[in-house]
Amino acid sequence: MAHQSLYRAYRPHTFVDVVGQDAITKALADQIVSKKLAHAYLFAGSRGLGKTSIARIFAHELGTTDKDLYEIDAASNNSVDDIRSLTENVYTLPFESPYKVYILDEAHMLSKGAWNAFLKTLEEPPAHVIFILATTELSKVPETVQSRCQVYEFKKPSRAGLAKLVAEVAQKEGFTLEPGAADLVALLADGSYRDSLSVLEKVLSAASGKKMSRKDAEQITGAPQHELVQAFVIGLANGDGSKALGAVRDAAAQGADIPLYLSLVLDLVRTILLVRFAPELRKELSEELGADVYGEVESMAQSKESKLSHDTLRVLLDAADRIRFSPIPTLPLELAVFELLGQDK
C-alpha cells in the first residue's frame, strides 16, 4: 500500500470526525435535516482549519457524488474567462445527485473582473447548485460577495487542543509522545490542524524508538533547545544579563531560528507568570507541559527574588514585533535584555 501522509490519513470524513468546529458542523447538519439550505456559503479562517474538508463533507451529506462535486483553485483559475466558463456550466443538470456543489478554494484570489462576472450567478444560481467559497483572507472578499453568502468563520484551535490531537494520532500510529513533545509540535503548528500533523509526521518518521521526548522532538524539528530557552529566562529572572545574552549567543551559534526562539521564551515567561498569579491553572499547565518542565516552571514562579513581571512580557513582545525587520536577528532580544536589566544606563 502506498504511503499516505498523516494529514490525509486522518482527514475527517464525517461531521462527527471534525475537531474544534462544533458550532459550524452543527449548523450545517441542522440545515440538511431541515432542508433549509443556502445557495452560497463562505468559509473563512487561517490555513489548516478544515475548511475544504468540511465543504466536502457537507456536499456528500447532501447526497452529492464525486461526479457532481467540482473543486476549483481560485488562485490559478481567477480570470474573467475562468468564471464565465464556470457560470455557463452551472446550468446543466447534475449527473446523478440532487445538487451540483462548487467549492472555490482561496476565493479571495479572484480578480475584480472575475468577481463582477460571478456576482449575478452567485446571487441567483439554479436551484440545483450550491457554491462553497473558502478563504484564508476574509477581508479581501468583497462585501457584495459576503452579503450573498452565509459566512462561517472557523476558529483556530488552542495549543492544548492541538497537543491532545497529535498525542492521540501518535498513539494510533504506535508511538507515545511525552507531554512536552506534543506541546512543542502544537506550538510549531501555529494554530493549524494540518500543520500539526505534518510536523508530527516529520517527528515520527525520524524516531529511533516508540517513545518521544521533547528533546527528541527538538532534535528532529530543529527547534531551539529547551535548555537555551530556560537559560535566557533564568538570566532575566536573576538579573544576570551575561547569562541571558550568552544563551542568545549560543542559540544563534547553533543555527536556531531566532523568532521561534523568542516565541519559546515568551511562552515560558508567560507560563511562569500564569503559575504565579493563577493557581487554579496549575493542574492544567502541569498536564500540558509534563512533570519535568512543569517542575522547573513552578520553581521559577515561586522564587521571591525573581525579576520576571508583566513588564518582562511587554518588552519581549516589543522585541517580537521588531525582530521581523532587524538586520541582525538577535539584536531585538539583546536590546530587551539591556532594557529589562537596566544595562543601557
Protein backbone atom coordinates (compact mmCIF):
# COMPACT_ATOMS: atom_id res chain seq x y z
CA MET A 1 0.00 0.00 0.00
CA ALA A 2 1.32 3.45 -0.92
CA HIS A 3 2.32 5.71 1.95
CA GLN A 4 -0.29 8.28 2.88
CA SER A 5 0.61 11.45 4.77
CA LEU A 6 -0.87 11.77 8.25
CA TYR A 7 -2.99 14.81 7.44
CA ARG A 8 -4.59 12.87 4.59
CA ALA A 9 -4.93 9.65 6.58
CA TYR A 10 -6.65 11.46 9.46
CA ARG A 11 -8.66 13.95 7.42
CA PRO A 12 -12.27 13.94 8.69
CA HIS A 13 -14.84 12.17 6.52
CA THR A 14 -18.00 12.93 8.52
CA PHE A 15 -19.15 15.81 10.72
CA VAL A 16 -18.54 13.60 13.76
CA ASP A 17 -14.85 13.32 12.82
CA VAL A 18 -14.34 17.09 12.72
CA VAL A 19 -12.40 18.53 15.68
CA GLY A 20 -12.88 22.02 17.07
CA GLN A 21 -15.58 23.40 14.75
CA ASP A 22 -18.69 22.12 16.53
CA ALA A 23 -20.81 25.25 16.03
CA ILE A 24 -20.25 25.17 12.27
CA THR A 25 -20.81 21.45 11.77
CA LYS A 26 -23.98 21.56 13.88
CA ALA A 27 -25.38 24.49 11.89
CA LEU A 28 -24.70 22.74 8.58
CA ALA A 29 -26.10 19.41 9.79
CA ASP A 30 -29.27 21.16 11.03
CA GLN A 31 -29.73 22.79 7.62
CA ILE A 32 -29.51 19.41 5.91
CA VAL A 33 -32.14 17.93 8.25
CA SER A 34 -34.50 20.91 7.90
CA LYS A 35 -33.79 21.21 4.15
CA LYS A 36 -33.31 24.96 4.66
CA LEU A 37 -30.18 25.34 2.59
CA ALA A 38 -28.47 28.48 1.40
CA HIS A 39 -27.36 28.76 -2.21
CA ALA A 40 -23.91 30.07 -1.25
CA TYR A 41 -21.60 29.62 1.74
CA LEU A 42 -18.35 31.36 2.63
CA PHE A 43 -15.91 29.50 4.90
CA ALA A 44 -13.23 31.81 6.32
CA GLY A 45 -10.25 31.14 8.53
CA SER A 46 -6.49 30.63 8.56
CA ARG A 47 -4.82 27.69 6.86
CA GLY A 48 -5.28 24.12 8.03
CA LEU A 49 -8.55 24.52 9.95
CA GLY A 50 -10.60 22.11 7.85
CA LYS A 51 -12.50 24.49 5.56
CA THR A 52 -12.15 22.35 2.43
CA SER A 53 -12.69 19.10 4.34
CA ILE A 54 -15.93 20.38 5.86
CA ALA A 55 -17.05 21.65 2.45
CA ARG A 56 -16.56 18.15 1.03
CA ILE A 57 -18.36 16.54 3.97
CA PHE A 58 -21.26 18.97 3.57
CA ALA A 59 -21.52 18.17 -0.13
CA HIS A 60 -21.50 14.42 0.47
CA GLU A 61 -24.07 14.73 3.28
CA LEU A 62 -26.30 16.49 0.74
CA GLY A 63 -26.05 13.40 -1.45
CA THR A 64 -23.64 14.91 -3.96
CA THR A 65 -21.38 12.30 -5.56
CA ASP A 66 -17.89 12.95 -6.85
CA LYS A 67 -19.27 13.34 -10.39
CA ASP A 68 -21.24 16.39 -9.30
CA LEU A 69 -18.66 17.89 -6.94
CA TYR A 70 -16.36 20.48 -8.51
CA GLU A 71 -13.29 21.80 -6.69
CA ILE A 72 -11.72 24.88 -8.21
CA ASP A 73 -8.47 26.52 -7.13
CA ALA A 74 -9.29 30.20 -7.44
CA ALA A 75 -5.60 31.10 -7.10
CA SER A 76 -4.88 29.65 -10.55
CA ASN A 77 -8.38 29.99 -12.10
CA ASN A 78 -9.07 33.61 -11.23
CA SER A 79 -9.73 35.34 -14.54
CA VAL A 80 -12.99 36.59 -16.02
CA ASP A 81 -12.87 33.80 -18.62
CA ASP A 82 -12.47 31.15 -15.90
CA ILE A 83 -15.54 32.43 -14.06
CA ARG A 84 -17.59 32.76 -17.25
CA SER A 85 -16.82 29.13 -18.05
CA LEU A 86 -17.96 28.16 -14.55
CA THR A 87 -21.18 30.16 -14.70
CA GLU A 88 -22.09 28.65 -18.06
CA ASN A 89 -21.63 25.11 -16.74
CA VAL A 90 -23.79 25.58 -13.63
CA TYR A 91 -26.97 25.49 -15.69
CA THR A 92 -26.51 21.89 -16.78
CA LEU A 93 -28.28 19.41 -14.51
CA PRO A 94 -26.38 17.12 -12.10
CA PHE A 95 -25.33 13.72 -13.41
CA GLU A 96 -26.71 11.67 -10.52
CA SER A 97 -27.11 13.90 -7.46
CA PRO A 98 -29.75 16.28 -6.13
CA TYR A 99 -27.17 19.10 -6.16
CA LYS A 100 -24.09 20.21 -8.02
CA VAL A 101 -21.67 21.64 -5.47
CA TYR A 102 -18.86 24.00 -6.45
CA ILE A 103 -16.02 24.52 -3.94
CA LEU A 104 -13.88 27.57 -4.72
CA ASP A 105 -10.71 27.38 -2.66
CA GLU A 106 -8.67 30.55 -1.99
CA ALA A 107 -11.63 32.56 -3.25
CA HIS A 108 -10.03 35.89 -2.28
CA MET A 109 -7.61 35.40 -5.20
CA LEU A 110 -10.30 36.06 -7.81
CA SER A 111 -9.70 39.22 -9.80
CA LYS A 112 -12.04 42.19 -9.56
CA GLY A 113 -13.38 41.42 -13.02
CA ALA A 114 -13.94 37.79 -12.08
CA TRP A 115 -15.94 38.82 -9.00
CA ASN A 116 -18.09 41.12 -11.12
CA ALA A 117 -18.72 38.31 -13.59
CA PHE A 118 -19.63 35.97 -10.75
CA LEU A 119 -21.99 38.18 -8.73
CA LYS A 120 -25.22 37.60 -10.65
CA THR A 121 -24.84 33.82 -10.70
CA LEU A 122 -23.80 33.79 -7.04
CA GLU A 123 -26.95 35.73 -6.11
CA GLU A 124 -29.38 33.69 -8.20
CA PRO A 125 -27.91 30.30 -9.11
CA PRO A 126 -30.05 27.45 -10.45
CA ALA A 127 -31.91 25.55 -7.74
CA HIS A 128 -29.65 22.51 -8.17
CA VAL A 129 -26.41 24.45 -7.49
CA ILE A 130 -24.67 25.27 -4.20
CA PHE A 131 -21.48 27.33 -4.01
CA ILE A 132 -18.98 26.98 -1.15
CA LEU A 133 -16.25 29.60 -1.14
CA ALA A 134 -13.22 29.08 1.12
CA THR A 135 -10.75 31.81 2.00
CA THR A 136 -7.87 32.50 4.35
CA GLU A 137 -8.36 36.25 3.94
CA LEU A 138 -11.96 37.27 4.52
CA SER A 139 -11.13 40.97 4.32
CA LYS A 140 -10.17 40.54 0.65
CA VAL A 141 -13.57 39.10 -0.28
CA PRO A 142 -15.81 41.97 -1.49
CA GLU A 143 -18.67 42.96 0.80
CA THR A 144 -21.05 42.45 -2.13
CA VAL A 145 -19.99 38.79 -2.19
CA GLN A 146 -20.11 38.30 1.57
CA SER A 147 -23.67 39.67 1.68
CA ARG A 148 -24.77 36.98 -0.81
CA CYS A 149 -23.33 34.11 1.29
CA GLN A 150 -23.82 32.52 4.65
CA VAL A 151 -20.48 33.32 6.28
CA TYR A 152 -18.84 30.90 8.73
CA GLU A 153 -15.61 31.91 10.45
CA PHE A 154 -13.51 28.93 11.54
CA LYS A 155 -11.82 29.02 14.95
CA LYS A 156 -8.13 28.39 15.45
CA PRO A 157 -7.52 25.57 17.92
CA SER A 158 -5.84 26.13 21.26
CA ARG A 159 -2.33 24.79 21.67
CA ALA A 160 -3.64 22.37 24.28
CA GLY A 161 -6.21 21.10 21.77
CA LEU A 162 -3.55 20.58 19.11
CA ALA A 163 -1.26 18.83 21.59
CA LYS A 164 -4.08 16.45 22.52
CA LEU A 165 -4.75 15.75 18.82
CA VAL A 166 -1.13 14.96 17.94
CA ALA A 167 -0.73 12.76 21.02
CA GLU A 168 -3.82 10.76 20.01
CA VAL A 169 -2.69 10.41 16.39
CA ALA A 170 0.79 9.37 17.51
CA GLN A 171 -0.77 6.69 19.73
CA LYS A 172 -2.80 5.37 16.79
CA GLU A 173 0.45 5.17 14.83
CA GLY A 174 2.05 3.13 17.62
CA PHE A 175 4.08 5.90 19.28
CA THR A 176 3.95 7.60 22.67
CA LEU A 177 4.51 11.35 22.75
CA GLU A 178 5.51 12.79 26.10
CA PRO A 179 3.50 15.93 27.00
CA GLY A 180 6.46 18.23 26.33
CA ALA A 181 6.95 16.75 22.85
CA ALA A 182 3.26 17.06 21.99
CA ASP A 183 3.27 20.65 23.26
CA LEU A 184 6.27 21.52 21.07
CA VAL A 185 4.65 20.01 17.97
CA ALA A 186 1.50 22.01 18.72
CA LEU A 187 3.48 25.23 19.12
CA LEU A 188 5.34 24.69 15.83
CA ALA A 189 1.99 24.09 14.07
CA ASP A 190 0.98 27.70 14.78
CA GLY A 191 -2.75 27.03 15.13
CA SER A 192 -3.16 24.70 12.14
CA TYR A 193 -4.57 21.18 12.37
CA ARG A 194 -2.96 20.24 9.07
CA ASP A 195 0.44 21.66 10.02
CA SER A 196 0.35 19.88 13.38
CA LEU A 197 0.05 16.52 11.61
CA SER A 198 2.75 17.48 9.11
CA VAL A 199 5.16 18.32 11.96
CA LEU A 200 4.15 15.13 13.78
CA GLU A 201 4.84 13.07 10.67
CA LYS A 202 8.34 14.55 10.46
CA VAL A 203 8.94 13.68 14.11
CA LEU A 204 7.63 10.12 13.84
CA SER A 205 9.42 9.38 10.57
CA ALA A 206 12.79 10.16 12.17
CA ALA A 207 12.08 8.49 15.52
CA SER A 208 14.59 5.94 16.75
CA GLY A 209 12.13 4.42 19.21
CA LYS A 210 8.46 4.34 20.04
CA LYS A 211 8.59 6.92 22.83
CA MET A 212 9.32 10.56 22.00
CA SER A 213 10.58 13.12 24.49
CA ARG A 214 10.67 16.88 24.00
CA LYS A 215 14.42 16.65 23.41
CA ASP A 216 13.81 14.09 20.66
CA ALA A 217 11.27 16.42 19.04
CA GLU A 218 13.67 19.38 19.31
CA GLN A 219 16.45 17.47 17.59
CA ILE A 220 14.23 16.25 14.76
CA THR A 221 12.44 19.54 14.07
CA GLY A 222 15.44 21.77 14.64
CA ALA A 223 13.59 23.73 17.32
CA PRO A 224 15.80 25.64 19.78
CA GLN A 225 16.85 23.53 22.76
CA HIS A 226 14.77 23.99 25.87
CA GLU A 227 17.95 24.42 27.92
CA LEU A 228 18.87 27.56 25.95
CA VAL A 229 15.36 28.97 26.34
CA GLN A 230 15.44 28.21 30.05
CA ALA A 231 18.92 29.73 30.44
CA PHE A 232 17.76 33.01 28.92
CA VAL A 233 14.72 33.20 31.18
CA ILE A 234 16.74 32.29 34.29
CA GLY A 235 19.18 35.04 33.37
CA LEU A 236 16.34 37.58 33.22
CA ALA A 237 14.79 36.25 36.45
CA ASN A 238 18.10 36.53 38.32
CA GLY A 239 19.08 39.87 36.82
CA ASP A 240 22.07 38.16 35.19
CA GLY A 241 22.49 39.86 31.82
CA SER A 242 25.61 37.88 30.99
CA LYS A 243 23.74 34.57 31.30
CA ALA A 244 20.77 35.82 29.25
CA LEU A 245 22.96 37.26 26.49
CA GLY A 246 25.12 34.13 26.50
CA ALA A 247 22.04 31.97 25.92
CA VAL A 248 21.04 34.12 22.93
CA ARG A 249 24.55 33.86 21.52
CA ASP A 250 24.60 30.07 21.97
CA ALA A 251 21.20 29.75 20.27
CA ALA A 252 22.42 31.77 17.30
CA ALA A 253 25.66 29.76 17.13
CA GLN A 254 23.63 26.56 16.92
CA GLY A 255 21.66 27.95 13.99
CA ALA A 256 18.41 28.33 15.91
CA ASP A 257 15.51 30.15 14.30
CA ILE A 258 15.66 33.31 16.44
CA PRO A 259 11.99 34.35 16.01
CA LEU A 260 10.99 30.83 17.10
CA TYR A 261 13.48 31.02 19.98
CA LEU A 262 11.84 34.27 21.10
CA SER A 263 8.38 32.66 20.82
CA LEU A 264 9.54 29.87 23.13
CA VAL A 265 11.00 32.41 25.56
CA LEU A 266 7.70 34.33 25.57
CA ASP A 267 5.77 31.15 26.14
CA LEU A 268 7.97 30.13 29.09
CA VAL A 269 7.78 33.56 30.75
CA ARG A 270 4.01 33.65 30.24
CA THR A 271 3.63 30.19 31.78
CA ILE A 272 5.75 31.13 34.80
CA LEU A 273 3.59 34.21 35.43
CA LEU A 274 0.38 32.20 35.00
CA VAL A 275 1.56 29.67 37.58
CA ARG A 276 2.47 32.52 39.93
CA PHE A 277 -0.74 34.54 39.60
CA ALA A 278 -3.36 31.94 38.61
CA PRO A 279 -3.00 28.90 40.90
CA GLU A 280 -6.20 27.38 39.50
CA LEU A 281 -4.39 26.81 36.19
CA ARG A 282 -1.54 24.81 37.71
CA LYS A 283 -3.07 21.37 37.21
CA GLU A 284 -3.91 22.08 33.56
CA LEU A 285 -0.45 23.51 32.86
CA SER A 286 1.22 20.56 34.57
CA GLU A 287 -0.63 18.15 32.26
CA GLU A 288 0.31 20.19 29.19
CA LEU A 289 4.00 20.55 30.00
CA GLY A 290 4.81 17.27 31.68
CA ALA A 291 6.24 16.81 35.16
CA ASP A 292 9.86 17.75 34.41
CA VAL A 293 9.20 21.05 32.61
CA TYR A 294 6.40 21.99 35.00
CA GLY A 295 8.71 21.41 37.98
CA GLU A 296 11.16 23.95 36.51
CA VAL A 297 8.34 26.41 35.83
CA GLU A 298 6.90 26.16 39.34
CA SER A 299 10.32 26.64 40.91
CA MET A 300 10.84 29.88 38.95
CA ALA A 301 7.27 31.02 39.64
CA GLN A 302 7.71 30.66 43.40
CA SER A 303 11.04 32.47 43.58
CA LYS A 304 10.62 35.65 45.62
CA GLU A 305 13.80 37.12 44.10
CA SER A 306 12.61 36.73 40.51
CA LYS A 307 12.65 39.86 38.34
CA LEU A 308 10.10 38.40 35.89
CA SER A 309 6.94 40.51 35.65
CA HIS A 310 4.34 41.78 33.21
CA ASP A 311 6.98 44.30 32.07
CA THR A 312 9.15 41.37 31.00
CA LEU A 313 6.38 40.12 28.73
CA ARG A 314 5.71 43.61 27.36
CA VAL A 315 9.36 44.22 26.46
CA LEU A 316 9.72 40.76 24.89
CA LEU A 317 6.53 41.31 22.87
CA ASP A 318 8.00 44.57 21.57
CA ALA A 319 11.12 42.61 20.60
CA ALA A 320 8.94 40.10 18.72
CA ASP A 321 7.42 42.96 16.72
CA ARG A 322 10.84 44.35 15.81
CA ILE A 323 12.58 41.07 15.06
CA ARG A 324 11.00 40.76 11.60
CA PHE A 325 12.70 43.96 10.47
CA SER A 326 16.02 43.66 12.27
CA PRO A 327 19.15 43.29 10.09
CA ILE A 328 20.67 41.31 12.99
CA PRO A 329 18.14 38.69 14.19
CA THR A 330 19.41 38.62 17.78
CA LEU A 331 19.50 42.41 18.19
CA PRO A 332 15.90 42.92 19.44
CA LEU A 333 16.46 40.23 22.09
CA GLU A 334 19.72 41.81 23.17
CA LEU A 335 18.05 45.22 23.41
CA ALA A 336 15.29 43.63 25.52
CA VAL A 337 17.92 42.37 27.97
CA PHE A 338 19.53 45.82 28.17
CA GLU A 339 16.16 47.45 28.82
CA LEU A 340 14.90 44.93 31.37
CA LEU A 341 18.10 44.74 33.39
CA GLY A 342 18.98 48.42 33.12
CA GLN A 343 22.22 47.71 31.33
CA ASP A 344 21.62 50.51 28.84
CA LYS A 345 22.08 53.13 31.55
